[in-house]
Amino acid sequence: MIRQTPTNSLMKKTTLQQAITRVKVTNQVDVDNVSRLLVQAEAAIGTLTDASVILKVANHNPDSIWLFSRQDGERPEGFHAFLLLNEKGRKELLAGTLDLRNPPLDCMVCQGESPAVIYVWALYTPGILAAGMNTMLDHFASPRYARVDMISRAATTHGERAMQRLGFVKGFALDGFDHPDLFILARSQKARQSQRPRYDSYERGQARTGITVVHEISDLMKVAAIRSAVYIGEQSCPYDEEFDGNDFAATHLLAYVDDEPVGCMRVRFFGDFAKLERLAIRKEYRSSRVAFQLVRASVDLCRAKGFRRIYGHARKDLLHFWKHFGFNVKDNATEFDFSGIDFVEMLDEIHPTNDAISLADSPYRIIRPEGQWSRPGILEGAMASAL
C-alpha cells in the first residue's frame, strides 16, 4: 500500500494508450495554424517567437515542428517545436549564447542528418493532446536520434512535471557548463556518465543528500525504523500488516538529507509490471520534496529495468499526488479497505530508458549491484587489476 499525508482529488481513468489513439500528429505546418496556435500558447506559457520564425525552422527541417489534433477534430489544437542543433548550435546552447527567439539556421541540421543535441523549444498540447509526446519520443528514438541528448526548459510548474514524468532530470553539468534550471534526457554516453541516476544519487562522504538502493541489512533496518514510526506509530497500523513478509523479496529505496535517513519506498517486480508500495516519509520532512524525489527515483529504476507499466494501491484521498507522476485509476479498478483506509488500484504507462538492462548487455553490467548499472562493479575492477 502507498500512504502519506492526505491531499484531495480524483484522477482521470483514461489510460495513456487510449489517449494516444485519440491524437493525430503531423509535421505538415502552415502559417494560419501556426499563427493561431502561437497566440494560444503564449497566453498559457508566455512569449515564444514569431510565426515566421517557426515556419523558417520547419522549412529548414520538417522534423522540427509537429502539430497535434484530436482524431475527431478538424484542426490542430497544439504543437511541439524542437531545435535540432548541430555542433555549433550545441556549443552556443550550453554557453547560453544561442538566440532562442530567432535561432540561426546555421546552428541546425537539415532533415536526414543527426543532430548534436535536441532542444525542446516549446510544447503546447493541452488536455489529452499531451499524450502525443510519447509519439514524439518514439520518433526521436529512431537510429538517427536515439543517442542524442534532449534538453528543455520548463516555463510552468505543469511543464516541469511533464518533463519529469517523461524521464527528464532537472539540473546538469556538461562540457564545463552548469545548468541547474534546465532539464536533460541524457541519452549520449558522455551525458549519462556525467549524471548519476536519481536512484543512485546518495553516497556517504560525497553526496550527503540523495537516494540509494538498499544493499545492506543496516540500511534495511533504517527502512524498518522509518516505516515503524510512520505507519505503526502515527497511523496505528498493526505490525503484521505493515511487515507483511515481502520485504526480503523486494527492492527498497532509501532517501537521505544531510546523511540522515528520512524516507523510503518499496518496489516489487513481476512478469510485465512493477509495483510501488510502502512510501513513507518522516513527519519532520513532509514539507520537503523528498516524497516526490522518491517516487521519481522509483519510476526511473523501473524504466532502467525495462518495465513499461507500474502498478500500485493508492489511498483515495491521495490520488492527486500520484497524478503528478502519470498514474491513473486502473480500468475496472477494485476499491478496498486496508487498515481502515480506502484504497484504489492505479496504473502508470512508462517508457524504458535507452540503456535499460537487456540481454544485449555485457554480463559484467548485468551482475553489477542493483541500481548501480551506470558504474563499473567490483568484478570489473578485479579484472582490470589482474591485467
Protein backbone atom coordinates (compact mmCIF):
# COMPACT_ATOMS: atom_id res chain seq x y z
CA MET A 1 0.00 0.00 0.00
CA ILE A 2 1.08 3.58 -0.52
CA ARG A 3 0.24 6.05 2.21
CA GLN A 4 1.36 9.50 3.27
CA THR A 5 -0.01 12.95 4.16
CA PRO A 6 -3.52 13.31 2.59
CA THR A 7 -4.46 15.59 -0.29
CA ASN A 8 -7.74 15.68 -2.21
CA SER A 9 -8.57 14.94 -5.87
CA LEU A 10 -9.59 12.16 -8.25
CA MET A 11 -7.63 11.07 -11.30
CA LYS A 12 -8.81 10.55 -14.86
CA LYS A 13 -9.43 6.94 -15.84
CA THR A 14 -8.20 7.33 -19.42
CA THR A 15 -5.03 5.28 -19.86
CA LEU A 16 -2.04 6.51 -21.80
CA GLN A 17 -2.52 4.04 -24.64
CA GLN A 18 -6.17 5.01 -25.01
CA ALA A 19 -5.20 8.68 -25.12
CA ILE A 20 -2.52 8.13 -27.78
CA THR A 21 -5.03 6.51 -30.14
CA ARG A 22 -7.18 9.65 -29.93
CA VAL A 23 -4.39 12.02 -31.01
CA LYS A 24 -3.20 12.78 -34.56
CA VAL A 25 0.32 14.13 -35.16
CA THR A 26 1.64 15.73 -38.35
CA ASN A 27 4.66 17.78 -39.42
CA GLN A 28 2.74 19.48 -42.23
CA VAL A 29 2.59 23.07 -40.97
CA ASP A 30 1.11 26.24 -42.42
CA VAL A 31 1.09 29.89 -41.43
CA ASP A 32 -2.58 30.04 -40.41
CA ASN A 33 -2.42 27.16 -37.93
CA VAL A 34 0.96 28.20 -36.55
CA SER A 35 -0.16 31.80 -36.03
CA ARG A 36 -3.38 30.75 -34.30
CA LEU A 37 -1.67 28.20 -32.04
CA LEU A 38 1.13 30.59 -31.17
CA VAL A 39 -1.37 33.10 -29.75
CA GLN A 40 -2.99 30.38 -27.63
CA ALA A 41 0.37 29.02 -26.46
CA GLU A 42 1.73 32.41 -25.43
CA ALA A 43 -1.38 33.02 -23.33
CA ALA A 44 -0.55 29.84 -21.42
CA ILE A 45 3.25 29.72 -21.28
CA GLY A 46 4.49 33.21 -22.14
CA THR A 47 6.19 34.85 -25.11
CA LEU A 48 7.81 32.44 -27.56
CA THR A 49 8.68 33.83 -31.00
CA ASP A 50 7.07 34.94 -34.27
CA ALA A 51 5.15 32.57 -36.53
CA SER A 52 7.55 33.42 -39.34
CA VAL A 53 10.47 32.10 -37.27
CA ILE A 54 8.67 28.82 -36.56
CA LEU A 55 7.89 28.40 -40.26
CA LYS A 56 11.52 29.17 -41.13
CA VAL A 57 12.70 26.41 -38.80
CA ALA A 58 10.06 23.98 -40.13
CA ASN A 59 11.05 24.65 -43.73
CA HIS A 60 14.69 24.05 -42.87
CA ASN A 61 13.93 20.72 -41.18
CA PRO A 62 10.34 19.36 -41.10
CA ASP A 63 11.24 17.16 -38.12
CA SER A 64 11.38 20.34 -36.02
CA ILE A 65 7.68 21.30 -35.82
CA TRP A 66 4.74 18.97 -35.19
CA LEU A 67 1.02 19.80 -34.97
CA PHE A 68 -1.38 17.87 -32.73
CA SER A 69 -5.12 17.37 -33.14
CA ARG A 70 -7.81 15.05 -31.88
CA GLN A 71 -8.79 12.18 -34.15
CA ASP A 72 -12.29 13.63 -34.40
CA GLY A 73 -11.10 17.25 -34.65
CA GLU A 74 -10.98 19.41 -37.76
CA ARG A 75 -7.90 21.48 -36.99
CA PRO A 76 -4.76 21.29 -34.84
CA GLU A 77 -5.07 22.31 -31.20
CA GLY A 78 -1.45 22.01 -30.09
CA PHE A 79 2.15 21.79 -31.26
CA HIS A 80 5.65 20.66 -30.34
CA ALA A 81 8.70 22.58 -31.56
CA PHE A 82 12.27 21.30 -31.45
CA LEU A 83 15.63 22.79 -32.41
CA LEU A 84 17.74 20.02 -33.97
CA LEU A 85 21.08 21.62 -33.30
CA ASN A 86 24.43 20.86 -34.92
CA GLU A 87 27.71 21.04 -33.00
CA LYS A 88 27.84 24.83 -33.33
CA GLY A 89 24.28 25.13 -32.01
CA ARG A 90 25.03 22.73 -29.16
CA LYS A 91 28.03 24.79 -28.05
CA GLU A 92 26.01 28.02 -28.15
CA LEU A 93 23.11 26.42 -26.27
CA LEU A 94 25.37 25.18 -23.46
CA ALA A 95 27.20 28.53 -23.36
CA GLY A 96 23.87 30.38 -23.14
CA THR A 97 24.55 32.45 -26.28
CA LEU A 98 22.05 30.81 -28.65
CA ASP A 99 19.27 33.18 -29.72
CA LEU A 100 16.19 31.11 -28.88
CA ARG A 101 13.80 33.78 -30.12
CA ASN A 102 15.29 33.63 -33.61
CA PRO A 103 17.71 30.71 -33.85
CA PRO A 104 20.07 30.92 -36.86
CA LEU A 105 19.72 28.17 -39.42
CA ASP A 106 23.47 27.55 -39.49
CA CYS A 107 23.10 26.18 -35.94
CA MET A 108 20.66 23.46 -37.05
CA VAL A 109 20.95 20.26 -39.06
CA CYS A 110 18.95 19.55 -42.20
CA GLN A 111 16.43 16.72 -42.44
CA GLY A 112 18.18 13.36 -42.64
CA GLU A 113 21.17 14.50 -40.57
CA SER A 114 21.84 13.50 -36.97
CA PRO A 115 21.86 16.49 -34.58
CA ALA A 116 24.40 17.07 -31.82
CA VAL A 117 21.59 17.85 -29.36
CA ILE A 118 17.81 18.22 -29.47
CA TYR A 119 16.43 21.27 -27.71
CA VAL A 120 12.75 21.09 -26.77
CA TRP A 121 11.89 24.59 -27.95
CA ALA A 122 8.21 24.75 -26.99
CA LEU A 123 5.41 22.35 -26.06
CA TYR A 124 1.76 23.32 -26.17
CA THR A 125 -0.53 20.28 -26.06
CA PRO A 126 -3.49 20.99 -23.75
CA GLY A 127 -5.62 18.21 -22.32
CA ILE A 128 -5.49 14.80 -23.95
CA LEU A 129 -3.10 16.08 -26.63
CA ALA A 130 -0.28 15.76 -24.08
CA ALA A 131 -0.29 12.02 -24.85
CA GLY A 132 1.24 12.93 -28.21
CA MET A 133 4.59 13.50 -26.52
CA ASN A 134 5.02 9.72 -26.42
CA THR A 135 4.71 9.69 -30.22
CA MET A 136 7.50 12.28 -30.32
CA LEU A 137 9.70 10.20 -28.01
CA ASP A 138 9.15 7.18 -30.25
CA HIS A 139 10.12 9.27 -33.30
CA PHE A 140 13.26 10.57 -31.61
CA ALA A 141 14.18 7.01 -30.58
CA SER A 142 14.92 6.12 -34.23
CA PRO A 143 18.59 5.31 -35.03
CA ARG A 144 19.28 8.86 -36.25
CA TYR A 145 18.29 10.36 -32.89
CA ALA A 146 18.46 7.56 -30.30
CA ARG A 147 21.77 8.60 -28.68
CA VAL A 148 21.23 12.35 -28.91
CA ASP A 149 20.60 14.20 -25.65
CA MET A 150 17.36 16.16 -25.30
CA ILE A 151 17.45 19.42 -23.33
CA SER A 152 14.50 21.54 -22.25
CA ARG A 153 13.44 24.47 -20.12
CA ALA A 154 10.09 24.32 -18.28
CA ALA A 155 8.14 27.58 -18.38
CA THR A 156 5.44 26.43 -15.94
CA THR A 157 5.04 24.06 -13.00
CA HIS A 158 2.86 21.85 -15.20
CA GLY A 159 5.62 21.76 -17.81
CA GLU A 160 8.19 20.84 -15.18
CA ARG A 161 6.07 17.92 -14.01
CA ALA A 162 5.56 16.79 -17.60
CA MET A 163 9.32 16.80 -18.23
CA GLN A 164 9.98 14.74 -15.11
CA ARG A 165 7.26 12.24 -16.00
CA LEU A 166 8.98 11.67 -19.34
CA GLY A 167 12.30 10.92 -17.69
CA PHE A 168 13.96 14.35 -17.91
CA VAL A 169 16.13 15.30 -14.93
CA LYS A 170 16.46 18.87 -13.72
CA GLY A 171 19.98 20.26 -13.49
CA PHE A 172 23.14 19.05 -15.19
CA ALA A 173 26.74 19.93 -15.90
CA LEU A 174 28.16 19.28 -19.36
CA ASP A 175 31.30 20.45 -21.17
CA GLY A 176 32.18 22.72 -18.27
CA PHE A 177 28.79 24.47 -18.22
CA ASP A 178 26.46 24.14 -15.22
CA HIS A 179 22.71 24.40 -15.93
CA PRO A 180 20.73 23.89 -12.70
CA ASP A 181 17.47 25.17 -14.25
CA LEU A 182 17.49 23.16 -17.48
CA PHE A 183 16.20 19.62 -17.90
CA ILE A 184 18.05 16.85 -19.70
CA LEU A 185 17.08 13.45 -21.02
CA ALA A 186 20.62 12.02 -21.07
CA ARG A 187 20.96 9.63 -23.99
CA SER A 188 24.57 10.07 -25.11
CA GLN A 189 27.27 8.12 -23.32
CA LYS A 190 29.01 11.36 -22.31
CA ALA A 191 25.90 12.83 -20.68
CA ARG A 192 24.95 9.58 -18.95
CA GLN A 193 28.43 9.25 -17.49
CA SER A 194 28.28 12.80 -16.14
CA GLN A 195 24.95 12.21 -14.41
CA ARG A 196 24.18 9.54 -11.88
CA PRO A 197 20.55 8.39 -11.86
CA ARG A 198 18.15 9.56 -9.17
CA TYR A 199 18.09 6.13 -7.52
CA ASP A 200 21.90 6.16 -7.17
CA SER A 201 22.43 9.79 -6.14
CA TYR A 202 23.46 9.28 -2.49
CA GLU A 203 26.89 8.20 -1.35
CA ARG A 204 28.09 8.84 2.19
CA GLY A 205 31.01 11.24 2.26
CA GLN A 206 30.32 12.50 -1.27
CA ALA A 207 26.66 13.32 -1.91
CA ARG A 208 25.16 13.76 1.57
CA THR A 209 21.61 14.24 0.24
CA GLY A 210 20.10 11.84 -2.26
CA ILE A 211 18.61 8.38 -2.80
CA THR A 212 20.15 4.92 -2.89
CA VAL A 213 19.00 1.36 -3.40
CA VAL A 214 19.30 -0.65 -0.17
CA HIS A 215 22.11 -3.22 -0.34
CA GLU A 216 22.92 -3.94 3.31
CA ILE A 217 20.97 -5.14 6.35
CA SER A 218 21.88 -1.92 8.21
CA ASP A 219 20.08 0.11 5.53
CA LEU A 220 17.09 -2.23 5.66
CA MET A 221 16.92 -1.53 9.41
CA LYS A 222 16.70 2.20 8.61
CA VAL A 223 13.78 1.45 6.28
CA ALA A 224 12.07 -0.54 9.04
CA ALA A 225 12.61 2.31 11.52
CA ILE A 226 11.04 4.89 9.18
CA ARG A 227 8.03 2.71 8.37
CA SER A 228 7.53 1.81 12.03
CA ALA A 229 7.49 5.49 13.01
CA VAL A 230 5.09 6.47 10.21
CA TYR A 231 2.68 3.55 9.92
CA ILE A 232 2.75 1.82 13.31
CA GLY A 233 3.48 4.89 15.45
CA GLU A 234 1.42 7.55 13.65
CA GLN A 235 -1.27 5.54 11.86
CA SER A 236 -1.68 2.63 14.31
CA CYS A 237 -1.19 0.05 11.57
CA PRO A 238 -0.87 -3.47 13.03
CA TYR A 239 2.69 -4.82 12.89
CA ASP A 240 1.77 -7.93 10.86
CA GLU A 241 0.03 -5.78 8.23
CA GLU A 242 2.93 -3.39 7.85
CA PHE A 243 5.68 -6.05 7.79
CA ASP A 244 3.84 -8.44 5.52
CA GLY A 245 6.51 -10.96 4.55
CA ASN A 246 7.50 -9.22 1.31
CA ASP A 247 10.43 -7.11 2.48
CA PHE A 248 13.08 -9.71 1.66
CA ALA A 249 11.55 -10.26 -1.79
CA ALA A 250 11.62 -6.58 -2.75
CA THR A 251 13.93 -3.72 -3.70
CA HIS A 252 13.98 -0.78 -1.27
CA LEU A 253 14.95 2.83 -1.97
CA LEU A 254 16.21 4.97 0.91
CA ALA A 255 16.32 8.80 0.87
CA TYR A 256 18.84 10.82 2.87
CA VAL A 257 19.02 14.50 3.82
CA ASP A 258 22.42 15.53 5.21
CA ASP A 259 23.27 11.85 5.81
CA GLU A 260 20.07 11.34 7.84
CA PRO A 261 17.63 8.65 6.54
CA VAL A 262 14.28 10.39 6.04
CA GLY A 263 12.13 8.36 3.63
CA CYS A 264 11.77 5.05 1.83
CA MET A 265 9.90 3.21 -0.91
CA ARG A 266 9.47 -0.48 -1.66
CA VAL A 267 9.36 -1.86 -5.23
CA ARG A 268 8.42 -5.38 -6.24
CA PHE A 269 8.87 -6.75 -9.76
CA PHE A 270 6.52 -9.11 -11.57
CA GLY A 271 6.38 -10.52 -15.13
CA ASP A 272 5.29 -7.46 -17.09
CA PHE A 273 4.82 -4.82 -14.40
CA ALA A 274 6.43 -3.36 -11.30
CA LYS A 275 4.59 -2.39 -8.12
CA LEU A 276 5.37 0.66 -5.97
CA GLU A 277 4.41 0.42 -2.32
CA ARG A 278 5.19 1.45 1.26
CA LEU A 279 6.14 5.06 0.55
CA ALA A 280 6.96 6.58 3.95
CA ILE A 281 8.39 9.99 4.88
CA ARG A 282 9.34 11.02 8.39
CA LYS A 283 6.97 13.68 9.72
CA GLU A 284 9.58 16.43 10.03
CA TYR A 285 10.47 16.12 6.32
CA ARG A 286 6.97 16.10 4.79
CA SER A 287 7.14 19.77 3.83
CA SER A 288 10.16 18.96 1.62
CA ARG A 289 10.19 17.38 -1.86
CA VAL A 290 11.53 14.04 -0.61
CA ALA A 291 8.30 12.16 -1.40
CA PHE A 292 8.33 13.46 -4.98
CA GLN A 293 12.01 12.60 -5.37
CA LEU A 294 11.49 9.06 -4.05
CA VAL A 295 8.64 8.34 -6.44
CA ARG A 296 10.56 9.72 -9.42
CA ALA A 297 13.60 7.68 -8.44
CA SER A 298 11.46 4.55 -8.15
CA VAL A 299 9.89 5.17 -11.56
CA ASP A 300 13.36 5.72 -13.04
CA LEU A 301 14.51 2.43 -11.52
CA CYS A 302 11.61 0.61 -13.16
CA ARG A 303 12.40 2.25 -16.50
CA ALA A 304 16.07 1.25 -16.17
CA LYS A 305 14.98 -2.36 -15.65
CA GLY A 306 12.95 -2.23 -18.88
CA PHE A 307 9.42 -2.12 -17.46
CA ARG A 308 6.57 -0.39 -19.28
CA ARG A 309 3.87 -0.49 -16.60
CA ILE A 310 3.83 0.38 -12.91
CA TYR A 311 1.01 -0.72 -10.64
CA GLY A 312 0.10 0.48 -7.16
CA HIS A 313 -2.56 0.82 -4.47
CA ALA A 314 -3.26 4.44 -3.58
CA ARG A 315 -5.29 5.96 -0.81
CA LYS A 316 -8.33 7.51 -2.46
CA ASP A 317 -7.61 10.82 -0.76
CA LEU A 318 -4.03 10.83 -2.17
CA LEU A 319 -4.80 10.30 -5.85
CA HIS A 320 -3.92 13.90 -6.68
CA PHE A 321 -0.35 13.25 -5.51
CA TRP A 322 0.05 10.31 -7.90
CA LYS A 323 -1.30 12.30 -10.83
CA HIS A 324 2.00 14.26 -10.79
CA PHE A 325 3.79 11.11 -11.99
CA GLY A 326 1.34 9.91 -14.64
CA PHE A 327 -0.68 7.41 -12.60
CA ASN A 328 -4.36 6.89 -13.42
CA VAL A 329 -7.04 4.85 -11.73
CA LYS A 330 -6.81 1.40 -13.32
CA ASP A 331 -9.60 0.36 -15.67
CA ASN A 332 -12.17 -1.69 -13.73
CA ALA A 333 -10.20 -0.83 -10.59
CA THR A 334 -11.07 -2.53 -7.33
CA GLU A 335 -11.62 -0.30 -4.31
CA PHE A 336 -10.82 -1.93 -0.98
CA ASP A 337 -10.18 -1.30 2.70
CA PHE A 338 -6.77 -1.80 4.34
CA SER A 339 -6.19 -0.98 8.00
CA GLY A 340 -9.38 1.10 7.98
CA ILE A 341 -8.29 3.23 4.98
CA ASP A 342 -9.90 3.23 1.50
CA PHE A 343 -7.56 2.27 -1.35
CA VAL A 344 -7.91 2.00 -5.12
CA GLU A 345 -5.81 0.37 -7.84
CA MET A 346 -3.76 2.65 -10.10
CA LEU A 347 -1.54 2.20 -13.14
CA ASP A 348 1.15 4.21 -14.94
CA GLU A 349 2.41 3.59 -18.50
CA ILE A 350 6.15 4.31 -18.86
CA HIS A 351 8.97 4.03 -21.40
CA PRO A 352 12.14 2.03 -20.67
CA THR A 353 15.33 4.09 -20.76
CA ASN A 354 17.50 3.90 -23.86
CA ASP A 355 20.11 1.96 -21.88
CA ALA A 356 17.69 -0.27 -19.96
CA ILE A 357 19.14 -3.57 -18.79
CA SER A 358 18.84 -6.23 -21.52
CA LEU A 359 20.34 -9.50 -22.70
CA ALA A 360 22.43 -7.49 -25.16
CA ASP A 361 24.41 -6.03 -22.24
CA SER A 362 27.79 -7.27 -21.08
CA PRO A 363 27.48 -9.95 -18.37
CA TYR A 364 29.53 -7.67 -16.12
CA ARG A 365 26.88 -4.93 -16.33
CA ILE A 366 24.08 -7.35 -15.54
CA ILE A 367 25.78 -8.51 -12.31
CA ARG A 368 26.54 -5.02 -11.03
CA PRO A 369 24.79 -4.14 -7.72
CA GLU A 370 21.11 -3.28 -8.09
CA GLY A 371 20.69 0.33 -9.20
CA GLN A 372 24.41 0.82 -9.88
CA TRP A 373 24.39 -0.17 -13.55
CA SER A 374 25.88 3.15 -14.64
CA ARG A 375 29.26 2.46 -12.99
CA PRO A 376 31.69 -0.48 -13.05
CA GLY A 377 31.21 -3.20 -10.45
CA ILE A 378 33.76 -4.86 -8.20
CA LEU A 379 34.36 -7.75 -10.62
CA GLU A 380 35.30 -5.32 -13.37
CA GLY A 381 37.76 -3.66 -11.03
CA ALA A 382 39.25 -7.03 -10.13
CA MET A 383 39.60 -7.91 -13.81
CA ALA A 384 41.38 -4.62 -14.57
CA SER A 385 43.79 -5.21 -11.66
CA ALA A 386 44.64 -8.65 -12.98
CA LEU A 387 45.59 -7.38 -16.43
